[in-house]
Amino acid sequence: MVVLALLWGSAFLWVDLALAGGMTPPLIATLRSALGAVVLLLLAGLARQRLPRDLATWGRVTVAALWCNAVPFLLIAVGQRTVDSGTAGVVNATTPLWSLLLGLVLGMERRPHPLRLTGLLVGFAGTVVLLAPWRQPVDIGLGAIALLGAAISYAVAFTYMARHLTGTGSGPLALSAAQLLAATGLSIPLLLVDGLPASPPSVTATGWAAVVALGVLSTGLTFYLNFRLIGDVGATTTASVGYLLPVVSVSLGAVVLSEVVDVRVVLGMVVVLVGVALTRRHAPPRAHATRSRAGSSGSS
């Protein structure tokens, strides 16, 4: 669990280093998906799991890839152009709050426990404290909106995946590999807009190393470890890794990138995590399992 939290939570550090190394957000999103797909294809092959063969499953996988990978991977990179990696990790932790809100809007959450509704309000209050929109410059505010958009995109994806990607008959590693392959295909057209650096040599060695680490370790290998944990200790216990991710992202940002961690950031992180914890109390058991399976595809 500690290794999974470190690999998963370090994604925001790698994105920051890739941007500083000359990578553009579309290029980061595309390479992240492609490298993660390669890792999962190899692991699926070793496990003798085959990619889906029917068009219907590929259609559902493509929709999931759009909302769970292509869109949030791009928005996270866009957001981190102006927002530091630690704050980005905490904003990403609001995904369960958006999932619950989406469930309420769509009628999937019927008569939720009052404690879960309290957690929803507490979590959003923590987000406001963390981002402090009244004191942020416009460019940082736009970056925060992009990061919130990524968290909402994950929530949309998890809701869709719970309805349409369970019981497909494909192995989890093969299905995840297919999803990242689809995400790669969806991301490639963006390279024509703002994807390639003015001159490829302008991307530093650090930038290339960071995006490789992002795709291989924080995406591909994270999928695998998440599935292993679900099989070993169960979905509910595995879901608790989510509470460590913001702590990891904030800590790495402070230690490696010398990001300032003030009282507002710490307070916002604590309040957000308390809110998320409350929303998971009295949740239907199936919801916990669904979020854990889907969460592996998000990989921050």
C-alpha atoms as a PDB file:
ATOM      1  CA  MET A   1       0.000   0.000   0.000  1.00  0.00           C
ATOM      2  CA  VAL A   2       2.877   2.361   0.779  1.00  0.00           C
ATOM      3  CA  VAL A   3       4.511   1.668  -2.595  1.00  0.00           C
ATOM      4  CA  LEU A   4       1.202   2.203  -4.386  1.00  0.00           C
ATOM      5  CA  ALA A   5       0.630   5.502  -2.565  1.00  0.00           C
ATOM      6  CA  LEU A   6       4.140   6.716  -3.430  1.00  0.00           C
ATOM      7  CA  LEU A   7       3.879   5.796  -7.117  1.00  0.00           C
ATOM      8  CA  TRP A   8       0.348   7.117  -7.473  1.00  0.00           C
ATOM      9  CA  GLY A   9       0.899  10.299  -5.479  1.00  0.00           C
ATOM     10  CA  SER A  10       4.130  11.103  -7.311  1.00  0.00           C
ATOM     11  CA  ALA A  11       2.249  11.580 -10.596  1.00  0.00           C
ATOM     12  CA  PHE A  12       1.874  15.295  -9.899  1.00  0.00           C
ATOM     13  CA  LEU A  13       5.613  15.658  -9.299  1.00  0.00           C
ATOM     14  CA  TRP A  14       6.382  13.983 -12.642  1.00  0.00           C
ATOM     15  CA  VAL A  15       3.881  16.221 -14.456  1.00  0.00           C
ATOM     16  CA  ASP A  16       5.519  19.297 -12.967  1.00  0.00           C
ATOM     17  CA  LEU A  17       9.012  18.128 -13.978  1.00  0.00           C
ATOM     18  CA  ALA A  18       7.808  17.203 -17.480  1.00  0.00           C
ATOM     19  CA  LEU A  19       6.332  20.693 -17.947  1.00  0.00           C
ATOM     20  CA  ALA A  20       9.519  22.321 -16.659  1.00  0.00           C
ATOM     21  CA  GLY A  21      11.477  20.103 -19.064  1.00  0.00           C
ATOM     22  CA  GLY A  22       9.714  21.510 -22.134  1.00  0.00           C
ATOM     23  CA  MET A  23       6.818  19.069 -22.542  1.00  0.00           C
ATOM     24  CA  THR A  24       3.387  20.412 -23.546  1.00  0.00           C
ATOM     25  CA  PRO A  25       0.180  19.183 -21.810  1.00  0.00           C
ATOM     26  CA  PRO A  26      -1.110  17.268 -24.891  1.00  0.00           C
ATOM     27  CA  LEU A  27       2.258  15.560 -25.317  1.00  0.00           C
ATOM     28  CA  ILE A  28       2.332  14.595 -21.633  1.00  0.00           C
ATOM     29  CA  ALA A  29      -1.206  13.191 -21.811  1.00  0.00           C
ATOM     30  CA  THR A  30      -0.460  11.199 -24.966  1.00  0.00           C
ATOM     31  CA  LEU A  31       2.846   9.727 -23.800  1.00  0.00           C
ATOM     32  CA  ARG A  32       1.444   8.952 -20.354  1.00  0.00           C
ATOM     33  CA  SER A  33      -1.382   6.912 -21.858  1.00  0.00           C
ATOM     34  CA  ALA A  34       0.862   5.218 -24.423  1.00  0.00           C
ATOM     35  CA  LEU A  35       3.551   4.198 -21.932  1.00  0.00           C
ATOM     36  CA  GLY A  36       0.968   2.992 -19.429  1.00  0.00           C
ATOM     37  CA  ALA A  37      -0.660   0.927 -22.180  1.00  0.00           C
ATOM     38  CA  VAL A  38       2.664  -0.724 -23.052  1.00  0.00           C
ATOM     39  CA  VAL A  39       3.208  -1.753 -19.418  1.00  0.00           C
ATOM     40  CA  LEU A  40      -0.303  -3.165 -19.103  1.00  0.00           C
ATOM     41  CA  LEU A  41      -0.108  -4.985 -22.435  1.00  0.00           C
ATOM     42  CA  LEU A  42       3.030  -6.745 -21.216  1.00  0.00           C
ATOM     43  CA  LEU A  43       1.443  -7.629 -17.865  1.00  0.00           C
ATOM     44  CA  ALA A  44      -1.775  -8.769 -19.541  1.00  0.00           C
ATOM     45  CA  GLY A  45       0.268 -10.977 -21.867  1.00  0.00           C
ATOM     46  CA  LEU A  46       2.073 -12.558 -18.924  1.00  0.00           C
ATOM     47  CA  ALA A  47      -1.284 -13.156 -17.259  1.00  0.00           C
ATOM     48  CA  ARG A  48      -2.672 -14.565 -20.541  1.00  0.00           C
ATOM     49  CA  GLN A  49      -5.439 -12.002 -20.667  1.00  0.00           C
ATOM     50  CA  ARG A  50      -6.671 -10.965 -24.109  1.00  0.00           C
ATOM     51  CA  LEU A  51      -7.871  -7.598 -25.307  1.00  0.00           C
ATOM     52  CA  PRO A  52     -11.620  -7.275 -25.964  1.00  0.00           C
ATOM     53  CA  ARG A  53     -12.641  -8.580 -29.373  1.00  0.00           C
ATOM     54  CA  ASP A  54     -16.123  -7.131 -29.840  1.00  0.00           C
ATOM     55  CA  LEU A  55     -16.855  -3.605 -31.034  1.00  0.00           C
ATOM     56  CA  ALA A  56     -19.455  -2.995 -28.337  1.00  0.00           C
ATOM     57  CA  THR A  57     -16.902  -3.441 -25.563  1.00  0.00           C
ATOM     58  CA  TRP A  58     -14.366  -1.280 -27.401  1.00  0.00           C
ATOM     59  CA  GLY A  59     -17.019   1.424 -27.726  1.00  0.00           C
ATOM     60  CA  ARG A  60     -17.642   1.416 -23.971  1.00  0.00           C
ATOM     61  CA  VAL A  61     -13.915   1.307 -23.266  1.00  0.00           C
ATOM     62  CA  THR A  62     -13.385   4.349 -25.500  1.00  0.00           C
ATOM     63  CA  VAL A  63     -16.008   6.367 -23.628  1.00  0.00           C
ATOM     64  CA  ALA A  64     -14.362   5.395 -20.328  1.00  0.00           C
ATOM     65  CA  ALA A  65     -10.940   6.304 -21.740  1.00  0.00           C
ATOM     66  CA  LEU A  66     -12.185   9.754 -22.729  1.00  0.00           C
ATOM     67  CA  TRP A  67     -13.449  10.693 -19.260  1.00  0.00           C
ATOM     68  CA  CYS A  68     -11.062   8.660 -17.118  1.00  0.00           C
ATOM     69  CA  ASN A  69      -7.795   9.203 -18.977  1.00  0.00           C
ATOM     70  CA  ALA A  70      -7.643  11.494 -22.017  1.00  0.00           C
ATOM     71  CA  VAL A  71      -9.549  14.446 -20.506  1.00  0.00           C
ATOM     72  CA  PRO A  72      -8.218  14.387 -16.917  1.00  0.00           C
ATOM     73  CA  PHE A  73      -4.607  13.654 -17.977  1.00  0.00           C
ATOM     74  CA  LEU A  74      -4.739  16.734 -20.217  1.00  0.00           C
ATOM     75  CA  LEU A  75      -6.490  18.962 -17.667  1.00  0.00           C
ATOM     76  CA  ILE A  76      -4.077  18.012 -14.891  1.00  0.00           C
ATOM     77  CA  ALA A  77      -1.109  18.989 -17.060  1.00  0.00           C
ATOM     78  CA  VAL A  78      -2.835  22.238 -18.095  1.00  0.00           C
ATOM     79  CA  GLY A  79      -3.681  23.044 -14.473  1.00  0.00           C
ATOM     80  CA  GLN A  80      -0.160  22.394 -13.251  1.00  0.00           C
ATOM     81  CA  ARG A  81       1.187  25.056 -15.571  1.00  0.00           C
ATOM     82  CA  THR A  82       0.095  27.562 -12.921  1.00  0.00           C
ATOM     83  CA  VAL A  83      -0.791  25.499  -9.808  1.00  0.00           C
ATOM     84  CA  ASP A  84       1.892  23.694  -7.799  1.00  0.00           C
ATOM     85  CA  SER A  85       1.997  19.906  -7.664  1.00  0.00           C
ATOM     86  CA  GLY A  86       1.036  19.603  -3.985  1.00  0.00           C
ATOM     87  CA  THR A  87      -2.142  21.623  -4.407  1.00  0.00           C
ATOM     88  CA  ALA A  88      -2.959  19.674  -7.583  1.00  0.00           C
ATOM     89  CA  GLY A  89      -2.801  16.424  -5.616  1.00  0.00           C
ATOM     90  CA  VAL A  90      -5.196  17.721  -2.971  1.00  0.00           C
ATOM     91  CA  VAL A  91      -7.654  18.991  -5.589  1.00  0.00           C
ATOM     92  CA  ASN A  92      -7.557  15.551  -7.218  1.00  0.00           C
ATOM     93  CA  ALA A  93      -8.618  14.058  -3.882  1.00  0.00           C
ATOM     94  CA  THR A  94     -12.021  15.757  -4.241  1.00  0.00           C
ATOM     95  CA  THR A  95     -13.078  13.172  -6.850  1.00  0.00           C
ATOM     96  CA  PRO A  96     -15.201  11.133  -4.370  1.00  0.00           C
ATOM     97  CA  LEU A  97     -17.084  14.319  -3.481  1.00  0.00           C
ATOM     98  CA  TRP A  98     -17.992  14.903  -7.122  1.00  0.00           C
ATOM     99  CA  SER A  99     -18.924  11.222  -7.466  1.00  0.00           C
ATOM    100  CA  LEU A 100     -21.412  11.523  -4.617  1.00  0.00           C
ATOM    101  CA  LEU A 101     -22.802  14.803  -5.975  1.00  0.00           C
ATOM    102  CA  LEU A 102     -23.207  13.241  -9.417  1.00  0.00           C
ATOM    103  CA  GLY A 103     -24.963  10.262  -7.876  1.00  0.00           C
ATOM    104  CA  LEU A 104     -27.398  12.597  -6.118  1.00  0.00           C
ATOM    105  CA  VAL A 105     -28.106  14.538  -9.318  1.00  0.00           C
ATOM    106  CA  LEU A 106     -28.666  11.380 -11.363  1.00  0.00           C
ATOM    107  CA  GLY A 107     -30.772   9.721  -8.691  1.00  0.00           C
ATOM    108  CA  MET A 108     -28.260   6.930  -8.135  1.00  0.00           C
ATOM    109  CA  GLU A 109     -27.867   7.923  -4.483  1.00  0.00           C
ATOM    110  CA  ARG A 110     -31.275   7.534  -2.902  1.00  0.00           C
ATOM    111  CA  ARG A 111     -31.733   8.939   0.576  1.00  0.00           C
ATOM    112  CA  PRO A 112     -28.017   9.070   1.451  1.00  0.00           C
ATOM    113  CA  HIS A 113     -27.071   9.039   5.122  1.00  0.00           C
ATOM    114  CA  PRO A 114     -26.927  12.577   6.640  1.00  0.00           C
ATOM    115  CA  LEU A 115     -23.298  11.953   7.560  1.00  0.00           C
ATOM    116  CA  ARG A 116     -22.406  11.533   3.891  1.00  0.00           C
ATOM    117  CA  LEU A 117     -24.167  14.791   2.997  1.00  0.00           C
ATOM    118  CA  THR A 118     -22.250  16.506   5.802  1.00  0.00           C
ATOM    119  CA  GLY A 119     -19.034  15.123   4.355  1.00  0.00           C
ATOM    120  CA  LEU A 120     -19.947  16.554   0.974  1.00  0.00           C
ATOM    121  CA  LEU A 121     -20.336  20.047   2.419  1.00  0.00           C
ATOM    122  CA  VAL A 122     -17.187  19.730   4.546  1.00  0.00           C
ATOM    123  CA  GLY A 123     -15.147  18.525   1.578  1.00  0.00           C
ATOM    124  CA  PHE A 124     -16.223  21.379  -0.661  1.00  0.00           C
ATOM    125  CA  ALA A 125     -15.526  23.851   2.152  1.00  0.00           C
ATOM    126  CA  GLY A 126     -11.997  22.443   2.351  1.00  0.00           C
ATOM    127  CA  THR A 127     -11.619  22.920  -1.407  1.00  0.00           C
ATOM    128  CA  VAL A 128     -12.573  26.587  -1.072  1.00  0.00           C
ATOM    129  CA  VAL A 129     -10.067  27.041   1.760  1.00  0.00           C
ATOM    130  CA  LEU A 130      -7.353  25.324  -0.269  1.00  0.00           C
ATOM    131  CA  LEU A 131      -7.850  27.286  -3.494  1.00  0.00           C
ATOM    132  CA  ALA A 132      -8.842  30.615  -1.882  1.00  0.00           C
ATOM    133  CA  PRO A 133     -10.212  31.993  -5.167  1.00  0.00           C
ATOM    134  CA  TRP A 134     -10.553  35.500  -3.726  1.00  0.00           C
ATOM    135  CA  ARG A 135      -6.762  35.842  -3.428  1.00  0.00           C
ATOM    136  CA  GLN A 136      -5.573  34.087  -6.586  1.00  0.00           C
ATOM    137  CA  PRO A 137      -4.385  35.733  -9.823  1.00  0.00           C
ATOM    138  CA  VAL A 138      -6.433  34.951 -12.934  1.00  0.00           C
ATOM    139  CA  ASP A 139      -3.931  32.464 -14.400  1.00  0.00           C
ATOM    140  CA  ILE A 140      -3.775  30.439 -11.179  1.00  0.00           C
ATOM    141  CA  GLY A 141      -7.570  30.518 -10.966  1.00  0.00           C
ATOM    142  CA  LEU A 142      -7.853  29.075 -14.472  1.00  0.00           C
ATOM    143  CA  GLY A 143      -5.371  26.362 -13.545  1.00  0.00           C
ATOM    144  CA  ALA A 144      -7.454  25.483 -10.488  1.00  0.00           C
ATOM    145  CA  ILE A 145     -10.568  25.258 -12.673  1.00  0.00           C
ATOM    146  CA  ALA A 146      -8.733  22.829 -14.979  1.00  0.00           C
ATOM    147  CA  LEU A 147      -7.758  20.665 -11.993  1.00  0.00           C
ATOM    148  CA  LEU A 148     -11.321  20.675 -10.678  1.00  0.00           C
ATOM    149  CA  GLY A 149     -12.444  19.717 -14.174  1.00  0.00           C
ATOM    150  CA  ALA A 150     -10.099  16.719 -14.035  1.00  0.00           C
ATOM    151  CA  ALA A 151     -11.569  15.598 -10.709  1.00  0.00           C
ATOM    152  CA  ILE A 152     -15.115  15.953 -12.090  1.00  0.00           C
ATOM    153  CA  SER A 153     -14.094  14.040 -15.213  1.00  0.00           C
ATOM    154  CA  TYR A 154     -12.886  11.154 -13.054  1.00  0.00           C
ATOM    155  CA  ALA A 155     -16.222  11.179 -11.219  1.00  0.00           C
ATOM    156  CA  VAL A 156     -18.143  11.018 -14.512  1.00  0.00           C
ATOM    157  CA  ALA A 157     -15.905   8.157 -15.659  1.00  0.00           C
ATOM    158  CA  PHE A 158     -16.366   6.127 -12.474  1.00  0.00           C
ATOM    159  CA  THR A 159     -20.139   6.472 -12.719  1.00  0.00           C
ATOM    160  CA  TYR A 160     -20.076   5.344 -16.345  1.00  0.00           C
ATOM    161  CA  MET A 161     -17.671   2.475 -15.700  1.00  0.00           C
ATOM    162  CA  ALA A 162     -19.761   1.165 -12.829  1.00  0.00           C
ATOM    163  CA  ARG A 163     -22.716   0.865 -15.193  1.00  0.00           C
ATOM    164  CA  HIS A 164     -21.091  -0.268 -18.422  1.00  0.00           C
ATOM    165  CA  LEU A 165     -17.694  -1.903 -17.803  1.00  0.00           C
ATOM    166  CA  THR A 166     -18.528  -4.499 -15.181  1.00  0.00           C
ATOM    167  CA  GLY A 167     -19.003  -8.105 -16.242  1.00  0.00           C
ATOM    168  CA  THR A 168     -17.534  -7.672 -19.730  1.00  0.00           C
ATOM    169  CA  GLY A 169     -15.701 -10.994 -19.549  1.00  0.00           C
ATOM    170  CA  SER A 170     -12.290  -9.415 -20.209  1.00  0.00           C
ATOM    171  CA  GLY A 171      -9.483  -9.650 -17.681  1.00  0.00           C
ATOM    172  CA  PRO A 172      -8.893  -6.459 -15.671  1.00  0.00           C
ATOM    173  CA  LEU A 173      -5.349  -5.930 -16.950  1.00  0.00           C
ATOM    174  CA  ALA A 174      -6.375  -6.446 -20.572  1.00  0.00           C
ATOM    175  CA  LEU A 175      -9.393  -4.168 -20.147  1.00  0.00           C
ATOM    176  CA  SER A 176      -7.203  -1.464 -18.596  1.00  0.00           C
ATOM    177  CA  ALA A 177      -4.648  -1.850 -21.403  1.00  0.00           C
ATOM    178  CA  ALA A 178      -7.438  -1.428 -23.940  1.00  0.00           C
ATOM    179  CA  GLN A 179      -8.638   1.679 -22.121  1.00  0.00           C
ATOM    180  CA  LEU A 180      -5.203   3.304 -22.207  1.00  0.00           C
ATOM    181  CA  LEU A 181      -4.785   2.363 -25.863  1.00  0.00           C
ATOM    182  CA  ALA A 182      -8.066   4.128 -26.586  1.00  0.00           C
ATOM    183  CA  ALA A 183      -6.940   7.115 -24.502  1.00  0.00           C
ATOM    184  CA  THR A 184      -3.755   7.307 -26.556  1.00  0.00           C
ATOM    185  CA  GLY A 185      -5.759   7.375 -29.777  1.00  0.00           C
ATOM    186  CA  LEU A 186      -8.025  10.097 -28.388  1.00  0.00           C
ATOM    187  CA  SER A 187      -5.063  12.229 -27.279  1.00  0.00           C
ATOM    188  CA  ILE A 188      -3.010  12.079 -30.477  1.00  0.00           C
ATOM    189  CA  PRO A 189      -5.162  14.618 -32.431  1.00  0.00           C
ATOM    190  CA  LEU A 190      -4.416  17.211 -29.730  1.00  0.00           C
ATOM    191  CA  LEU A 191      -0.764  17.087 -30.716  1.00  0.00           C
ATOM    192  CA  LEU A 192      -1.719  18.939 -33.896  1.00  0.00           C
ATOM    193  CA  VAL A 193      -3.064  21.855 -31.837  1.00  0.00           C
ATOM    194  CA  ASP A 194      -0.541  22.476 -29.072  1.00  0.00           C
ATOM    195  CA  GLY A 195       1.174  19.165 -28.614  1.00  0.00           C
ATOM    196  CA  LEU A 196       4.672  19.325 -30.031  1.00  0.00           C
ATOM    197  CA  PRO A 197       7.392  21.647 -28.731  1.00  0.00           C
ATOM    198  CA  ALA A 198       8.717  24.276 -31.133  1.00  0.00           C
ATOM    199  CA  SER A 199      11.840  22.113 -31.487  1.00  0.00           C
ATOM    200  CA  PRO A 200      11.973  18.577 -30.013  1.00  0.00           C
ATOM    201  CA  PRO A 201      15.584  19.039 -28.808  1.00  0.00           C
ATOM    202  CA  SER A 202      14.234  21.755 -26.508  1.00  0.00           C
ATOM    203  CA  VAL A 203      12.768  19.020 -24.286  1.00  0.00           C
ATOM    204  CA  THR A 204      15.359  18.293 -21.621  1.00  0.00           C
ATOM    205  CA  ALA A 205      16.516  14.895 -20.420  1.00  0.00           C
ATOM    206  CA  THR A 206      14.664  15.580 -17.175  1.00  0.00           C
ATOM    207  CA  GLY A 207      11.461  16.176 -19.122  1.00  0.00           C
ATOM    208  CA  TRP A 208      11.759  12.859 -20.968  1.00  0.00           C
ATOM    209  CA  ALA A 209      12.674  10.973 -17.783  1.00  0.00           C
ATOM    210  CA  ALA A 210       9.735  12.512 -15.933  1.00  0.00           C
ATOM    211  CA  VAL A 211       7.167  11.540 -18.559  1.00  0.00           C
ATOM    212  CA  VAL A 212       8.579   7.988 -18.708  1.00  0.00           C
ATOM    213  CA  ALA A 213       8.261   7.715 -14.923  1.00  0.00           C
ATOM    214  CA  LEU A 214       4.740   9.158 -15.157  1.00  0.00           C
ATOM    215  CA  GLY A 215       3.616   6.632 -17.761  1.00  0.00           C
ATOM    216  CA  VAL A 216       5.447   3.540 -16.558  1.00  0.00           C
ATOM    217  CA  LEU A 217       5.383   3.942 -12.771  1.00  0.00           C
ATOM    218  CA  SER A 218       2.507   6.293 -11.938  1.00  0.00           C
ATOM    219  CA  THR A 219       0.114   4.926 -14.571  1.00  0.00           C
ATOM    220  CA  GLY A 220       0.916   1.421 -15.835  1.00  0.00           C
ATOM    221  CA  LEU A 221       2.476  -0.092 -12.714  1.00  0.00           C
ATOM    222  CA  THR A 222      -0.059   1.672 -10.497  1.00  0.00           C
ATOM    223  CA  PHE A 223      -2.889  -0.143 -12.311  1.00  0.00           C
ATOM    224  CA  TYR A 224      -1.220  -3.467 -11.616  1.00  0.00           C
ATOM    225  CA  LEU A 225      -0.508  -2.799  -7.931  1.00  0.00           C
ATOM    226  CA  ASN A 226      -4.059  -1.568  -7.418  1.00  0.00           C
ATOM    227  CA  PHE A 227      -5.490  -4.786  -8.856  1.00  0.00           C
ATOM    228  CA  ARG A 228      -3.104  -6.860  -6.738  1.00  0.00           C
ATOM    229  CA  LEU A 229      -4.160  -5.031  -3.582  1.00  0.00           C
ATOM    230  CA  ILE A 230      -7.851  -5.452  -4.347  1.00  0.00           C
ATOM    231  CA  GLY A 231      -7.260  -9.187  -4.701  1.00  0.00           C
ATOM    232  CA  ASP A 232      -5.145  -9.416  -1.535  1.00  0.00           C
ATOM    233  CA  VAL A 233      -6.890  -7.144   0.966  1.00  0.00           C
ATOM    234  CA  GLY A 234     -10.200  -6.200  -0.690  1.00  0.00           C
ATOM    235  CA  ALA A 235     -11.578  -3.131  -2.408  1.00  0.00           C
ATOM    236  CA  THR A 236     -12.501  -1.186   0.725  1.00  0.00           C
ATOM    237  CA  THR A 237      -9.014  -1.410   2.234  1.00  0.00           C
ATOM    238  CA  THR A 238      -7.398  -0.583  -1.098  1.00  0.00           C
ATOM    239  CA  ALA A 239      -9.584   2.527  -1.391  1.00  0.00           C
ATOM    240  CA  SER A 240      -7.936   3.875   1.771  1.00  0.00           C
ATOM    241  CA  VAL A 241      -4.777   4.497  -0.289  1.00  0.00           C
ATOM    242  CA  GLY A 242      -6.621   7.533  -1.643  1.00  0.00           C
ATOM    243  CA  TYR A 243      -6.156   9.284   1.695  1.00  0.00           C
ATOM    244  CA  LEU A 244      -2.367   9.075   1.330  1.00  0.00           C
ATOM    245  CA  LEU A 245      -2.141  10.534  -2.172  1.00  0.00           C
ATOM    246  CA  PRO A 246      -2.526  14.232  -1.225  1.00  0.00           C
ATOM    247  CA  VAL A 247      -0.031  13.770   1.603  1.00  0.00           C
ATOM    248  CA  VAL A 248       2.461  12.259  -0.842  1.00  0.00           C
ATOM    249  CA  SER A 249       1.940  14.970  -3.467  1.00  0.00           C
ATOM    250  CA  VAL A 250       2.295  17.799  -0.926  1.00  0.00           C
ATOM    251  CA  SER A 251       5.371  16.209   0.679  1.00  0.00           C
ATOM    252  CA  LEU A 252       7.150  15.553  -2.630  1.00  0.00           C
ATOM    253  CA  GLY A 253       6.318  19.050  -3.848  1.00  0.00           C
ATOM    254  CA  ALA A 254       7.852  20.558  -0.726  1.00  0.00           C
ATOM    255  CA  VAL A 255      10.955  18.335  -0.619  1.00  0.00           C
ATOM    256  CA  VAL A 256      11.795  18.005  -4.336  1.00  0.00           C
ATOM    257  CA  LEU A 257      10.381  21.214  -5.833  1.00  0.00           C
ATOM    258  CA  SER A 258      10.693  23.481  -2.767  1.00  0.00           C
ATOM    259  CA  GLU A 259       6.991  24.357  -2.954  1.00  0.00           C
ATOM    260  CA  VAL A 260       5.677  26.432  -0.066  1.00  0.00           C
ATOM    261  CA  VAL A 261       3.350  24.509   2.249  1.00  0.00           C
ATOM    262  CA  ASP A 262       1.553  27.095   4.361  1.00  0.00           C
ATOM    263  CA  VAL A 263      -1.209  26.766   6.930  1.00  0.00           C
ATOM    264  CA  ARG A 264      -3.916  27.247   4.291  1.00  0.00           C
ATOM    265  CA  VAL A 265      -2.693  24.300   2.210  1.00  0.00           C
ATOM    266  CA  VAL A 266      -2.428  21.989   5.223  1.00  0.00           C
ATOM    267  CA  LEU A 267      -5.806  23.084   6.590  1.00  0.00           C
ATOM    268  CA  GLY A 268      -7.483  22.692   3.210  1.00  0.00           C
ATOM    269  CA  MET A 269      -5.983  19.229   2.757  1.00  0.00           C
ATOM    270  CA  VAL A 270      -7.117  18.051   6.185  1.00  0.00           C
ATOM    271  CA  VAL A 271     -10.660  19.390   5.732  1.00  0.00           C
ATOM    272  CA  VAL A 272     -10.955  17.828   2.253  1.00  0.00           C
ATOM    273  CA  LEU A 273      -9.814  14.428   3.534  1.00  0.00           C
ATOM    274  CA  VAL A 274     -12.198  14.601   6.499  1.00  0.00           C
ATOM    275  CA  GLY A 275     -15.027  15.368   4.083  1.00  0.00           C
ATOM    276  CA  VAL A 276     -14.061  12.469   1.821  1.00  0.00           C
ATOM    277  CA  ALA A 277     -13.890  10.129   4.827  1.00  0.00           C
ATOM    278  CA  LEU A 278     -17.389  11.148   5.900  1.00  0.00           C
ATOM    279  CA  THR A 279     -18.814  10.597   2.407  1.00  0.00           C
ATOM    280  CA  ARG A 280     -17.518   7.026   2.485  1.00  0.00           C
ATOM    281  CA  ARG A 281     -19.248   6.244   5.762  1.00  0.00           C
ATOM    282  CA  HIS A 282     -22.525   4.340   5.376  1.00  0.00           C
ATOM    283  CA  ALA A 283     -21.936   4.010   1.630  1.00  0.00           C
ATOM    284  CA  PRO A 284     -23.342   0.894  -0.068  1.00  0.00           C
ATOM    285  CA  PRO A 285     -20.658  -1.865  -0.134  1.00  0.00           C
ATOM    286  CA  ARG A 286     -20.925  -2.116  -3.912  1.00  0.00           C
ATOM    287  CA  ALA A 287     -20.081   1.590  -4.263  1.00  0.00           C
ATOM    288  CA  HIS A 288     -16.788   1.060  -2.426  1.00  0.00           C
ATOM    289  CA  ALA A 289     -15.820  -1.778  -4.736  1.00  0.00           C
ATOM    290  CA  THR A 290     -16.829   0.136  -7.827  1.00  0.00           C
ATOM    291  CA  ARG A 291     -14.835   3.190  -6.855  1.00  0.00           C
ATOM    292  CA  SER A 292     -11.759   1.108  -6.179  1.00  0.00           C
ATOM    293  CA  ARG A 293     -11.926  -0.702  -9.503  1.00  0.00           C
ATOM    294  CA  ALA A 294     -12.555   2.521 -11.354  1.00  0.00           C
ATOM    295  CA  GLY A 295      -9.970   4.420  -9.372  1.00  0.00           C
ATOM    296  CA  SER A 296      -7.259   2.215 -10.781  1.00  0.00           C
ATOM    297  CA  SER A 297      -7.967   3.651 -14.176  1.00  0.00           C
ATOM    298  CA  GLY A 298      -7.650   7.172 -12.961  1.00  0.00           C
ATOM    299  CA  SER A 299      -4.162   6.897 -11.524  1.00  0.00           C
ATOM    300  CA  SER A 300      -4.297  10.630 -10.719  1.00  0.00           C
END
